[in-house]
Amino acid sequence: MAQNTTLTLTYNKSQGTPAAAVGKVVFDATAITAADYIEVTTGFTPKYVKFDNVTDRICVEFYEGMTADTCVKTAAAGTRTLETTNKGVTIVTGGFRVSQNATLAVIAASKTCQFLALA
């Protein structure tokens, strides 16, 4: 089998000390403010974040190297889009933020969300 060499591969060869954070967030029935974010403190700066609204089956993912406040969104029907205008995930020192933007729709009142963050 031939190897594809017509590509640009960028990665960090030094993995350092691996770290992971897994958690659950349950939002109450109060109104979610679309201009706000939820900030999750992991104790490390993540390179990958998956934030999953398990109630509505909507997931957003952020990979190291993506622009802040963007994400790859998977809708309940399985449609995947690159979100660049409806906000998304932003990496911060020691954790990450997820937008409560109504169009992004991953965070909403009375929903249960799970997250995975990897360093």
PDB file of N, CA and C in Angstrom:
ATOM      1  N   MET A   1       0.837  -1.165   0.000  1.00  0.00           N
ATOM      2  CA  MET A   1       0.000   0.000   0.000  1.00  0.00           C
ATOM      3  C   MET A   1       0.891   1.240   0.000  1.00  0.00           C
ATOM      4  N   ALA A   2       0.577   2.180  -0.876  1.00  0.00           N
ATOM      5  CA  ALA A   2       1.362   3.412  -0.977  1.00  0.00           C
ATOM      6  C   ALA A   2       0.979   4.379   0.141  1.00  0.00           C
ATOM      7  N   GLN A   3       1.941   5.202   0.519  1.00  0.00           N
ATOM      8  CA  GLN A   3       1.708   6.201   1.556  1.00  0.00           C
ATOM      9  C   GLN A   3       1.482   7.544   0.897  1.00  0.00           C
ATOM     10  N   ASN A   4       0.455   8.254   1.329  1.00  0.00           N
ATOM     11  CA  ASN A   4       0.166   9.588   0.820  1.00  0.00           C
ATOM     12  C   ASN A   4       1.159  10.567   1.441  1.00  0.00           C
ATOM     13  N   THR A   5       1.965  11.207   0.611  1.00  0.00           N
ATOM     14  CA  THR A   5       2.955  12.169   1.105  1.00  0.00           C
ATOM     15  C   THR A   5       2.640  13.585   0.658  1.00  0.00           C
ATOM     16  N   THR A   6       1.502  13.805  -0.009  1.00  0.00           N
ATOM     17  CA  THR A   6       1.136  15.143  -0.472  1.00  0.00           C
ATOM     18  C   THR A   6       0.180  15.780   0.533  1.00  0.00           C
ATOM     19  N   LEU A   7       0.700  16.020   1.721  1.00  0.00           N
ATOM     20  CA  LEU A   7      -0.098  16.620   2.777  1.00  0.00           C
ATOM     21  C   LEU A   7       0.801  17.405   3.705  1.00  0.00           C
ATOM     22  N   THR A   8       0.174  18.214   4.534  1.00  0.00           N
ATOM     23  CA  THR A   8       0.893  18.952   5.562  1.00  0.00           C
ATOM     24  C   THR A   8       0.409  18.443   6.907  1.00  0.00           C
ATOM     25  N   LEU A   9       1.277  17.878   7.690  1.00  0.00           N
ATOM     26  CA  LEU A   9       0.934  17.321   8.987  1.00  0.00           C
ATOM     27  C   LEU A   9       1.589  18.170  10.062  1.00  0.00           C
ATOM     28  N   THR A  10       0.761  18.695  10.965  1.00  0.00           N
ATOM     29  CA  THR A  10       1.266  19.503  12.062  1.00  0.00           C
ATOM     30  C   THR A  10       0.830  18.857  13.367  1.00  0.00           C
ATOM     31  N   TYR A  11       1.768  18.562  14.236  1.00  0.00           N
ATOM     32  CA  TYR A  11       1.426  17.994  15.528  1.00  0.00           C
ATOM     33  C   TYR A  11       2.556  18.246  16.500  1.00  0.00           C
ATOM     34  N   ASN A  12       2.227  18.078  17.765  1.00  0.00           N
ATOM     35  CA  ASN A  12       3.199  18.279  18.820  1.00  0.00           C
ATOM     36  C   ASN A  12       3.777  16.928  19.190  1.00  0.00           C
ATOM     37  N   LYS A  13       5.038  16.696  18.864  1.00  0.00           N
ATOM     38  CA  LYS A  13       5.663  15.402  19.148  1.00  0.00           C
ATOM     39  C   LYS A  13       5.854  15.185  20.648  1.00  0.00           C
ATOM     40  N   SER A  14       6.025  16.260  21.406  1.00  0.00           N
ATOM     41  CA  SER A  14       6.210  16.145  22.847  1.00  0.00           C
ATOM     42  C   SER A  14       4.834  16.124  23.508  1.00  0.00           C
ATOM     43  N   GLN A  15       4.418  14.985  23.977  1.00  0.00           N
ATOM     44  CA  GLN A  15       3.096  14.857  24.592  1.00  0.00           C
ATOM     45  C   GLN A  15       3.083  15.282  26.052  1.00  0.00           C
ATOM     46  N   GLY A  16       4.252  15.409  26.657  1.00  0.00           N
ATOM     47  CA  GLY A  16       4.307  15.839  28.049  1.00  0.00           C
ATOM     48  C   GLY A  16       3.566  14.862  28.939  1.00  0.00           C
ATOM     49  N   THR A  17       2.971  15.360  29.995  1.00  0.00           N
ATOM     50  CA  THR A  17       2.198  14.524  30.889  1.00  0.00           C
ATOM     51  C   THR A  17       0.742  14.528  30.440  1.00  0.00           C
ATOM     52  N   PRO A  18       0.215  13.382  30.054  1.00  0.00           N
ATOM     53  CA  PRO A  18      -1.173  13.355  29.608  1.00  0.00           C
ATOM     54  C   PRO A  18      -2.131  13.655  30.753  1.00  0.00           C
ATOM     55  N   ALA A  19      -3.202  14.341  30.439  1.00  0.00           N
ATOM     56  CA  ALA A  19      -4.211  14.657  31.439  1.00  0.00           C
ATOM     57  C   ALA A  19      -5.584  14.552  30.784  1.00  0.00           C
ATOM     58  N   ALA A  20      -6.570  14.203  31.573  1.00  0.00           N
ATOM     59  CA  ALA A  20      -7.935  14.093  31.072  1.00  0.00           C
ATOM     60  C   ALA A  20      -8.898  14.565  32.148  1.00  0.00           C
ATOM     61  N   ALA A  21     -10.000  15.129  31.707  1.00  0.00           N
ATOM     62  CA  ALA A  21     -11.072  15.519  32.616  1.00  0.00           C
ATOM     63  C   ALA A  21     -12.393  15.098  31.975  1.00  0.00           C
ATOM     64  N   VAL A  22     -13.225  14.457  32.760  1.00  0.00           N
ATOM     65  CA  VAL A  22     -14.534  14.009  32.303  1.00  0.00           C
ATOM     66  C   VAL A  22     -15.536  14.516  33.319  1.00  0.00           C
ATOM     67  N   GLY A  23     -16.667  15.004  32.837  1.00  0.00           N
ATOM     68  CA  GLY A  23     -17.640  15.519  33.789  1.00  0.00           C
ATOM     69  C   GLY A  23     -19.034  15.639  33.215  1.00  0.00           C
ATOM     70  N   LYS A  24     -19.929  16.058  34.075  1.00  0.00           N
ATOM     71  CA  LYS A  24     -21.349  16.180  33.743  1.00  0.00           C
ATOM     72  C   LYS A  24     -21.842  17.530  34.243  1.00  0.00           C
ATOM     73  N   VAL A  25     -22.663  18.193  33.440  1.00  0.00           N
ATOM     74  CA  VAL A  25     -23.262  19.471  33.809  1.00  0.00           C
ATOM     75  C   VAL A  25     -24.760  19.348  33.583  1.00  0.00           C
ATOM     76  N   VAL A  26     -25.556  19.669  34.594  1.00  0.00           N
ATOM     77  CA  VAL A  26     -27.013  19.652  34.456  1.00  0.00           C
ATOM     78  C   VAL A  26     -27.505  21.082  34.612  1.00  0.00           C
ATOM     79  N   PHE A  27     -28.131  21.595  33.569  1.00  0.00           N
ATOM     80  CA  PHE A  27     -28.626  22.965  33.589  1.00  0.00           C
ATOM     81  C   PHE A  27     -30.058  22.972  34.119  1.00  0.00           C
ATOM     82  N   ASP A  28     -30.374  23.960  34.957  1.00  0.00           N
ATOM     83  CA  ASP A  28     -31.730  24.028  35.488  1.00  0.00           C
ATOM     84  C   ASP A  28     -32.664  24.699  34.490  1.00  0.00           C
ATOM     85  N   ALA A  29     -33.885  24.910  34.875  1.00  0.00           N
ATOM     86  CA  ALA A  29     -34.906  25.413  33.966  1.00  0.00           C
ATOM     87  C   ALA A  29     -34.869  26.931  33.781  1.00  0.00           C
ATOM     88  N   THR A  30     -33.933  27.611  34.433  1.00  0.00           N
ATOM     89  CA  THR A  30     -33.864  29.061  34.262  1.00  0.00           C
ATOM     90  C   THR A  30     -33.362  29.390  32.865  1.00  0.00           C
ATOM     91  N   ALA A  31     -33.621  30.586  32.432  1.00  0.00           N
ATOM     92  CA  ALA A  31     -33.241  31.010  31.082  1.00  0.00           C
ATOM     93  C   ALA A  31     -31.725  31.003  30.914  1.00  0.00           C
ATOM     94  N   ILE A  32     -31.294  30.573  29.759  1.00  0.00           N
ATOM     95  CA  ILE A  32     -29.886  30.609  29.383  1.00  0.00           C
ATOM     96  C   ILE A  32     -29.663  31.911  28.620  1.00  0.00           C
ATOM     97  N   THR A  33     -28.652  32.678  28.985  1.00  0.00           N
ATOM     98  CA  THR A  33     -28.350  33.926  28.305  1.00  0.00           C
ATOM     99  C   THR A  33     -27.424  33.639  27.128  1.00  0.00           C
ATOM    100  N   ALA A  34     -27.897  33.940  25.923  1.00  0.00           N
ATOM    101  CA  ALA A  34     -27.168  33.587  24.698  1.00  0.00           C
ATOM    102  C   ALA A  34     -25.784  34.218  24.614  1.00  0.00           C
ATOM    103  N   ALA A  35     -25.586  35.347  25.278  1.00  0.00           N
ATOM    104  CA  ALA A  35     -24.284  36.022  25.212  1.00  0.00           C
ATOM    105  C   ALA A  35     -23.277  35.443  26.209  1.00  0.00           C
ATOM    106  N   ASP A  36     -23.722  34.540  27.076  1.00  0.00           N
ATOM    107  CA  ASP A  36     -22.857  33.989  28.118  1.00  0.00           C
ATOM    108  C   ASP A  36     -22.151  32.714  27.672  1.00  0.00           C
ATOM    109  N   TYR A  37     -21.208  32.296  28.497  1.00  0.00           N
ATOM    110  CA  TYR A  37     -20.463  31.054  28.305  1.00  0.00           C
ATOM    111  C   TYR A  37     -20.524  30.258  29.597  1.00  0.00           C
ATOM    112  N   ILE A  38     -20.301  28.984  29.512  1.00  0.00           N
ATOM    113  CA  ILE A  38     -20.021  28.187  30.694  1.00  0.00           C
ATOM    114  C   ILE A  38     -18.519  27.948  30.665  1.00  0.00           C
ATOM    115  N   GLU A  39     -17.860  28.113  31.798  1.00  0.00           N
ATOM    116  CA  GLU A  39     -16.424  27.863  31.865  1.00  0.00           C
ATOM    117  C   GLU A  39     -16.175  26.651  32.746  1.00  0.00           C
ATOM    118  N   VAL A  40     -15.411  25.697  32.227  1.00  0.00           N
ATOM    119  CA  VAL A  40     -15.081  24.470  32.944  1.00  0.00           C
ATOM    120  C   VAL A  40     -13.601  24.512  33.301  1.00  0.00           C
ATOM    121  N   THR A  41     -13.284  24.363  34.570  1.00  0.00           N
ATOM    122  CA  THR A  41     -11.907  24.330  35.028  1.00  0.00           C
ATOM    123  C   THR A  41     -11.447  22.877  35.078  1.00  0.00           C
ATOM    124  N   THR A  42     -10.393  22.579  34.333  1.00  0.00           N
ATOM    125  CA  THR A  42      -9.864  21.216  34.277  1.00  0.00           C
ATOM    126  C   THR A  42      -8.550  21.068  35.033  1.00  0.00           C
ATOM    127  N   GLY A  43      -7.861  22.187  35.286  1.00  0.00           N
ATOM    128  CA  GLY A  43      -6.555  22.131  35.928  1.00  0.00           C
ATOM    129  C   GLY A  43      -5.410  22.005  34.936  1.00  0.00           C
ATOM    130  N   PHE A  44      -5.736  21.965  33.649  1.00  0.00           N
ATOM    131  CA  PHE A  44      -4.740  21.913  32.579  1.00  0.00           C
ATOM    132  C   PHE A  44      -5.332  22.606  31.356  1.00  0.00           C
ATOM    133  N   THR A  45      -4.489  22.905  30.379  1.00  0.00           N
ATOM    134  CA  THR A  45      -4.957  23.539  29.151  1.00  0.00           C
ATOM    135  C   THR A  45      -5.239  22.447  28.121  1.00  0.00           C
ATOM    136  N   PRO A  46      -6.503  22.200  27.791  1.00  0.00           N
ATOM    137  CA  PRO A  46      -6.846  21.096  26.899  1.00  0.00           C
ATOM    138  C   PRO A  46      -6.392  21.309  25.454  1.00  0.00           C
ATOM    139  N   LYS A  47      -6.109  20.216  24.788  1.00  0.00           N
ATOM    140  CA  LYS A  47      -5.810  20.204  23.357  1.00  0.00           C
ATOM    141  C   LYS A  47      -7.021  19.707  22.572  1.00  0.00           C
ATOM    142  N   TYR A  48      -7.931  19.020  23.245  1.00  0.00           N
ATOM    143  CA  TYR A  48      -9.156  18.501  22.638  1.00  0.00           C
ATOM    144  C   TYR A  48     -10.280  18.600  23.652  1.00  0.00           C
ATOM    145  N   VAL A  49     -11.445  19.064  23.198  1.00  0.00           N
ATOM    146  CA  VAL A  49     -12.630  19.143  24.052  1.00  0.00           C
ATOM    147  C   VAL A  49     -13.822  18.591  23.283  1.00  0.00           C
ATOM    148  N   LYS A  50     -14.578  17.744  23.945  1.00  0.00           N
ATOM    149  CA  LYS A  50     -15.861  17.266  23.411  1.00  0.00           C
ATOM    150  C   LYS A  50     -16.911  17.620  24.449  1.00  0.00           C
ATOM    151  N   PHE A  51     -17.920  18.388  24.041  1.00  0.00           N
ATOM    152  CA  PHE A  51     -19.000  18.803  24.932  1.00  0.00           C
ATOM    153  C   PHE A  51     -20.299  18.316  24.302  1.00  0.00           C
ATOM    154  N   ASP A  52     -20.999  17.448  24.993  1.00  0.00           N
ATOM    155  CA  ASP A  52     -22.118  16.708  24.412  1.00  0.00           C
ATOM    156  C   ASP A  52     -23.404  16.953  25.196  1.00  0.00           C
ATOM    157  N   ASN A  53     -24.411  17.533  24.532  1.00  0.00           N
ATOM    158  CA  ASN A  53     -25.740  17.675  25.113  1.00  0.00           C
ATOM    159  C   ASN A  53     -26.423  16.328  24.901  1.00  0.00           C
ATOM    160  N   VAL A  54     -26.419  15.487  25.929  1.00  0.00           N
ATOM    161  CA  VAL A  54     -26.955  14.138  25.777  1.00  0.00           C
ATOM    162  C   VAL A  54     -28.480  14.118  25.735  1.00  0.00           C
ATOM    163  N   THR A  55     -29.111  15.150  26.233  1.00  0.00           N
ATOM    164  CA  THR A  55     -30.568  15.233  26.175  1.00  0.00           C
ATOM    165  C   THR A  55     -31.040  15.390  24.734  1.00  0.00           C
ATOM    166  N   ASP A  56     -30.416  16.320  23.996  1.00  0.00           N
ATOM    167  CA  ASP A  56     -30.837  16.605  22.617  1.00  0.00           C
ATOM    168  C   ASP A  56     -29.939  15.964  21.564  1.00  0.00           C
ATOM    169  N   ARG A  57     -28.874  15.264  22.011  1.00  0.00           N
ATOM    170  CA  ARG A  57     -27.940  14.584  21.107  1.00  0.00           C
ATOM    171  C   ARG A  57     -27.236  15.561  20.164  1.00  0.00           C
ATOM    172  N   ILE A  58     -26.730  16.659  20.739  1.00  0.00           N
ATOM    173  CA  ILE A  58     -25.949  17.649  19.995  1.00  0.00           C
ATOM    174  C   ILE A  58     -24.564  17.694  20.611  1.00  0.00           C
ATOM    175  N   CYS A  59     -23.538  17.648  19.785  1.00  0.00           N
ATOM    176  CA  CYS A  59     -22.169  17.581  20.277  1.00  0.00           C
ATOM    177  C   CYS A  59     -21.316  18.630  19.582  1.00  0.00           C
ATOM    178  N   VAL A  60     -20.430  19.283  20.345  1.00  0.00           N
ATOM    179  CA  VAL A  60     -19.438  20.175  19.749  1.00  0.00           C
ATOM    180  C   VAL A  60     -18.062  19.688  20.159  1.00  0.00           C
ATOM    181  N   GLU A  61     -17.101  19.813  19.231  1.00  0.00           N
ATOM    182  CA  GLU A  61     -15.734  19.381  19.480  1.00  0.00           C
ATOM    183  C   GLU A  61     -14.767  20.484  19.076  1.00  0.00           C
ATOM    184  N   PHE A  62     -13.680  20.574  19.815  1.00  0.00           N
ATOM    185  CA  PHE A  62     -12.642  21.560  19.543  1.00  0.00           C
ATOM    186  C   PHE A  62     -11.306  20.834  19.549  1.00  0.00           C
ATOM    187  N   TYR A  63     -10.501  21.076  18.525  1.00  0.00           N
ATOM    188  CA  TYR A  63      -9.181  20.470  18.399  1.00  0.00           C
ATOM    189  C   TYR A  63      -8.119  21.562  18.493  1.00  0.00           C
ATOM    190  N   GLU A  64      -6.986  21.235  19.089  1.00  0.00           N
ATOM    191  CA  GLU A  64      -5.883  22.184  19.166  1.00  0.00           C
ATOM    192  C   GLU A  64      -5.574  22.712  17.769  1.00  0.00           C
ATOM    193  N   GLY A  65      -5.379  24.016  17.674  1.00  0.00           N
ATOM    194  CA  GLY A  65      -5.078  24.646  16.393  1.00  0.00           C
ATOM    195  C   GLY A  65      -6.274  25.324  15.758  1.00  0.00           C
ATOM    196  N   MET A  66      -7.487  25.011  16.246  1.00  0.00           N
ATOM    197  CA  MET A  66      -8.677  25.688  15.730  1.00  0.00           C
ATOM    198  C   MET A  66      -8.721  27.110  16.287  1.00  0.00           C
ATOM    199  N   THR A  67      -9.436  27.982  15.602  1.00  0.00           N
ATOM    200  CA  THR A  67      -9.626  29.351  16.049  1.00  0.00           C
ATOM    201  C   THR A  67     -10.528  29.367  17.282  1.00  0.00           C
ATOM    202  N   ALA A  68     -10.224  30.248  18.228  1.00  0.00           N
ATOM    203  CA  ALA A  68     -11.054  30.387  19.425  1.00  0.00           C
ATOM    204  C   ALA A  68     -12.495  30.677  19.031  1.00  0.00           C
ATOM    205  N   ASP A  69     -13.428  30.172  19.828  1.00  0.00           N
ATOM    206  CA  ASP A  69     -14.863  30.382  19.648  1.00  0.00           C
ATOM    207  C   ASP A  69     -15.400  29.743  18.363  1.00  0.00           C
ATOM    208  N   THR A  70     -14.779  28.634  17.947  1.00  0.00           N
ATOM    209  CA  THR A  70     -15.278  27.829  16.837  1.00  0.00           C
ATOM    210  C   THR A  70     -15.392  26.386  17.327  1.00  0.00           C
ATOM    211  N   CYS A  71     -15.963  25.522  16.503  1.00  0.00           N
ATOM    212  CA  CYS A  71     -16.070  24.111  16.860  1.00  0.00           C
ATOM    213  C   CYS A  71     -16.595  23.324  15.670  1.00  0.00           C
ATOM    214  N   VAL A  72     -16.495  22.027  15.771  1.00  0.00           N
ATOM    215  CA  VAL A  72     -17.177  21.129  14.845  1.00  0.00           C
ATOM    216  C   VAL A  72     -18.418  20.660  15.580  1.00  0.00           C
ATOM    217  N   LYS A  73     -19.592  20.908  14.983  1.00  0.00           N
ATOM    218  CA  LYS A  73     -20.863  20.561  15.623  1.00  0.00           C
ATOM    219  C   LYS A  73     -21.491  19.371  14.916  1.00  0.00           C
ATOM    220  N   THR A  74     -21.957  18.418  15.711  1.00  0.00           N
ATOM    221  CA  THR A  74     -22.714  17.290  15.183  1.00  0.00           C
ATOM    222  C   THR A  74     -24.137  17.407  15.722  1.00  0.00           C
ATOM    223  N   ALA A  75     -25.104  17.546  14.812  1.00  0.00           N
ATOM    224  CA  ALA A  75     -26.511  17.661  15.191  1.00  0.00           C
ATOM    225  C   ALA A  75     -27.100  16.274  15.443  1.00  0.00           C
ATOM    226  N   ALA A  76     -28.282  16.223  16.017  1.00  0.00           N
ATOM    227  CA  ALA A  76     -28.929  14.949  16.338  1.00  0.00           C
ATOM    228  C   ALA A  76     -29.088  14.066  15.103  1.00  0.00           C
ATOM    229  N   ALA A  77     -29.291  14.665  13.945  1.00  0.00           N
ATOM    230  CA  ALA A  77     -29.467  13.894  12.703  1.00  0.00           C
ATOM    231  C   ALA A  77     -28.144  13.369  12.161  1.00  0.00           C
ATOM    232  N   GLY A  78     -27.015  13.781  12.780  1.00  0.00           N
ATOM    233  CA  GLY A  78     -25.707  13.326  12.335  1.00  0.00           C
ATOM    234  C   GLY A  78     -24.979  14.303  11.434  1.00  0.00           C
ATOM    235  N   THR A  79     -25.618  15.411  11.078  1.00  0.00           N
ATOM    236  CA  THR A  79     -25.003  16.425  10.237  1.00  0.00           C
ATOM    237  C   THR A  79     -23.866  17.092  10.993  1.00  0.00           C
ATOM    238  N   ARG A  80     -22.692  17.175  10.354  1.00  0.00           N
ATOM    239  CA  ARG A  80     -21.524  17.815  10.969  1.00  0.00           C
ATOM    240  C   ARG A  80     -21.228  19.113  10.232  1.00  0.00           C
ATOM    241  N   THR A  81     -21.016  20.180  11.005  1.00  0.00           N
ATOM    242  CA  THR A  81     -20.691  21.480  10.422  1.00  0.00           C
ATOM    243  C   THR A  81     -19.556  22.108  11.200  1.00  0.00           C
ATOM    244  N   LEU A  82     -18.792  22.953  10.514  1.00  0.00           N
ATOM    245  CA  LEU A  82     -17.769  23.755  11.166  1.00  0.00           C
ATOM    246  C   LEU A  82     -18.428  25.060  11.559  1.00  0.00           C
ATOM    247  N   GLU A  83     -18.582  25.293  12.844  1.00  0.00           N
ATOM    248  CA  GLU A  83     -19.240  26.500  13.349  1.00  0.00           C
ATOM    249  C   GLU A  83     -18.208  27.613  13.492  1.00  0.00           C
ATOM    250  N   THR A  84     -18.352  28.644  12.691  1.00  0.00           N
ATOM    251  CA  THR A  84     -17.454  29.792  12.769  1.00  0.00           C
ATOM    252  C   THR A  84     -18.211  31.080  13.046  1.00  0.00           C
ATOM    253  N   THR A  85     -19.534  31.083  12.896  1.00  0.00           N
ATOM    254  CA  THR A  85     -20.318  32.296  13.122  1.00  0.00           C
ATOM    255  C   THR A  85     -21.263  32.188  14.319  1.00  0.00           C
ATOM    256  N   ASN A  86     -21.533  30.983  14.796  1.00  0.00           N
ATOM    257  CA  ASN A  86     -22.456  30.786  15.915  1.00  0.00           C
ATOM    258  C   ASN A  86     -21.745  30.514  17.225  1.00  0.00           C
ATOM    259  N   LYS A  87     -20.463  30.886  17.258  1.00  0.00           N
ATOM    260  CA  LYS A  87     -19.609  30.695  18.428  1.00  0.00           C
ATOM    261  C   LYS A  87     -19.322  29.215  18.643  1.00  0.00           C
ATOM    262  N   GLY A  88     -18.687  28.874  19.766  1.00  0.00           N
ATOM    263  CA  GLY A  88     -18.312  27.482  19.987  1.00  0.00           C
ATOM    264  C   GLY A  88     -17.515  27.321  21.260  1.00  0.00           C
ATOM    265  N   VAL A  89     -16.302  26.758  21.131  1.00  0.00           N
ATOM    266  CA  VAL A  89     -15.441  26.441  22.272  1.00  0.00           C
ATOM    267  C   VAL A  89     -14.203  27.329  22.229  1.00  0.00           C
ATOM    268  N   THR A  90     -13.790  27.787  23.386  1.00  0.00           N
ATOM    269  CA  THR A  90     -12.566  28.565  23.521  1.00  0.00           C
ATOM    270  C   THR A  90     -11.728  27.934  24.622  1.00  0.00           C
ATOM    271  N   ILE A  91     -10.466  27.692  24.327  1.00  0.00           N
ATOM    272  CA  ILE A  91      -9.545  27.145  25.321  1.00  0.00           C
ATOM    273  C   ILE A  91      -9.013  28.302  26.161  1.00  0.00           C
ATOM    274  N   VAL A  92      -8.996  28.110  27.472  1.00  0.00           N
ATOM    275  CA  VAL A  92      -8.420  29.091  28.392  1.00  0.00           C
ATOM    276  C   VAL A  92      -7.403  28.356  29.257  1.00  0.00           C
ATOM    277  N   THR A  93      -6.517  29.104  29.880  1.00  0.00           N
ATOM    278  CA  THR A  93      -5.535  28.483  30.761  1.00  0.00           C
ATOM    279  C   THR A  93      -6.274  27.752  31.879  1.00  0.00           C
ATOM    280  N   GLY A  94      -6.039  26.470  31.977  1.00  0.00           N
ATOM    281  CA  GLY A  94      -6.662  25.691  33.034  1.00  0.00           C
ATOM    282  C   GLY A  94      -8.058  25.195  32.739  1.00  0.00           C
ATOM    283  N   GLY A  95      -8.497  25.290  31.468  1.00  0.00           N
ATOM    284  CA  GLY A  95      -9.838  24.801  31.159  1.00  0.00           C
ATOM    285  C   GLY A  95     -10.342  25.245  29.804  1.00  0.00           C
ATOM    286  N   PHE A  96     -11.670  25.362  29.692  1.00  0.00           N
ATOM    287  CA  PHE A  96     -12.285  25.749  28.428  1.00  0.00           C
ATOM    288  C   PHE A  96     -13.638  26.410  28.673  1.00  0.00           C
ATOM    289  N   ARG A  97     -14.118  27.123  27.655  1.00  0.00           N
ATOM    290  CA  ARG A  97     -15.434  27.766  27.681  1.00  0.00           C
ATOM    291  C   ARG A  97     -16.275  27.240  26.520  1.00  0.00           C
ATOM    292  N   VAL A  98     -17.578  27.109  26.753  1.00  0.00           N
ATOM    293  CA  VAL A  98     -18.518  26.730  25.703  1.00  0.00           C
ATOM    294  C   VAL A  98     -19.593  27.802  25.647  1.00  0.00           C
ATOM    295  N   SER A  99     -19.892  28.267  24.439  1.00  0.00           N
ATOM    296  CA  SER A  99     -20.889  29.318  24.250  1.00  0.00           C
ATOM    297  C   SER A  99     -22.300  28.806  24.507  1.00  0.00           C
ATOM    298  N   GLN A 100     -23.127  29.668  25.067  1.00  0.00           N
ATOM    299  CA  GLN A 100     -24.543  29.378  25.258  1.00  0.00           C
ATOM    300  C   GLN A 100     -25.375  29.939  24.107  1.00  0.00           C
ATOM    301  N   ASN A 101     -24.744  30.292  22.991  1.00  0.00           N
ATOM    302  CA  ASN A 101     -25.417  30.839  21.825  1.00  0.00           C
ATOM    303  C   ASN A 101     -26.607  29.947  21.444  1.00  0.00           C
ATOM    304  N   ALA A 102     -27.789  30.557  21.260  1.00  0.00           N
ATOM    305  CA  ALA A 102     -29.005  29.795  20.970  1.00  0.00           C
ATOM    306  C   ALA A 102     -28.927  29.050  19.648  1.00  0.00           C
ATOM    307  N   THR A 103     -28.244  29.601  18.653  1.00  0.00           N
ATOM    308  CA  THR A 103     -28.120  28.928  17.362  1.00  0.00           C
ATOM    309  C   THR A 103     -27.169  27.743  17.452  1.00  0.00           C
ATOM    310  N   LEU A 104     -26.121  27.865  18.262  1.00  0.00           N
ATOM    311  CA  LEU A 104     -25.225  26.727  18.479  1.00  0.00           C
ATOM    312  C   LEU A 104     -26.005  25.589  19.145  1.00  0.00           C
ATOM    313  N   ALA A 105     -26.846  25.926  20.098  1.00  0.00           N
ATOM    314  CA  ALA A 105     -27.842  25.028  20.701  1.00  0.00           C
ATOM    315  C   ALA A 105     -27.281  23.831  21.457  1.00  0.00           C
ATOM    316  N   VAL A 106     -26.034  23.884  21.879  1.00  0.00           N
ATOM    317  CA  VAL A 106     -25.512  22.766  22.662  1.00  0.00           C
ATOM    318  C   VAL A 106     -25.836  22.927  24.143  1.00  0.00           C
ATOM    319  N   ILE A 107     -26.001  24.177  24.595  1.00  0.00           N
ATOM    320  CA  ILE A 107     -26.373  24.454  25.977  1.00  0.00           C
ATOM    321  C   ILE A 107     -27.763  25.076  25.991  1.00  0.00           C
ATOM    322  N   ALA A 108     -28.635  24.484  26.768  1.00  0.00           N
ATOM    323  CA  ALA A 108     -29.998  24.994  26.881  1.00  0.00           C
ATOM    324  C   ALA A 108     -30.540  24.652  28.264  1.00  0.00           C
ATOM    325  N   ALA A 109     -31.632  25.323  28.662  1.00  0.00           N
ATOM    326  CA  ALA A 109     -32.235  25.086  29.966  1.00  0.00           C
ATOM    327  C   ALA A 109     -32.757  23.653  30.059  1.00  0.00           C
ATOM    328  N   SER A 110     -32.660  23.084  31.247  1.00  0.00           N
ATOM    329  CA  SER A 110     -33.157  21.743  31.562  1.00  0.00           C
ATOM    330  C   SER A 110     -32.504  20.640  30.731  1.00  0.00           C
ATOM    331  N   LYS A 111     -31.226  20.789  30.416  1.00  0.00           N
ATOM    332  CA  LYS A 111     -30.508  19.793  29.618  1.00  0.00           C
ATOM    333  C   LYS A 111     -29.350  19.222  30.419  1.00  0.00           C
ATOM    334  N   THR A 112     -28.984  17.999  30.104  1.00  0.00           N
ATOM    335  CA  THR A 112     -27.828  17.341  30.712  1.00  0.00           C
ATOM    336  C   THR A 112     -26.727  17.244  29.678  1.00  0.00           C
ATOM    337  N   CYS A 113     -25.527  17.660  30.062  1.00  0.00           N
ATOM    338  CA  CYS A 113     -24.376  17.642  29.154  1.00  0.00           C
ATOM    339  C   CYS A 113     -23.230  16.866  29.808  1.00  0.00           C
ATOM    340  N   GLN A 114     -22.443  16.216  28.976  1.00  0.00           N
ATOM    341  CA  GLN A 114     -21.229  15.515  29.392  1.00  0.00           C
ATOM    342  C   GLN A 114     -20.053  16.142  28.660  1.00  0.00           C
ATOM    343  N   PHE A 115     -18.864  16.115  29.270  1.00  0.00           N
ATOM    344  CA  PHE A 115     -17.710  16.648  28.562  1.00  0.00           C
ATOM    345  C   PHE A 115     -16.496  15.760  28.768  1.00  0.00           C
ATOM    346  N   LEU A 116     -15.584  15.863  27.811  1.00  0.00           N
ATOM    347  CA  LEU A 116     -14.293  15.198  27.852  1.00  0.00           C
ATOM    348  C   LEU A 116     -13.263  16.219  27.394  1.00  0.00           C
ATOM    349  N   ALA A 117     -12.222  16.419  28.183  1.00  0.00           N
ATOM    350  CA  ALA A 117     -11.130  17.316  27.820  1.00  0.00           C
ATOM    351  C   ALA A 117      -9.829  16.543  27.966  1.00  0.00           C
ATOM    352  N   LEU A 118      -8.977  16.642  26.944  1.00  0.00           N
ATOM    353  CA  LEU A 118      -7.707  15.928  26.943  1.00  0.00           C
ATOM    354  C   LEU A 118      -6.557  16.895  26.720  1.00  0.00           C
ATOM    355  N   ALA A 119      -5.449  16.677  27.418  1.00  0.00           N
ATOM    356  CA  ALA A 119      -4.263  17.507  27.224  1.00  0.00           C
ATOM    357  C   ALA A 119      -3.275  16.775  26.362  1.00  0.00           C
TER     358      ALA A 119
END
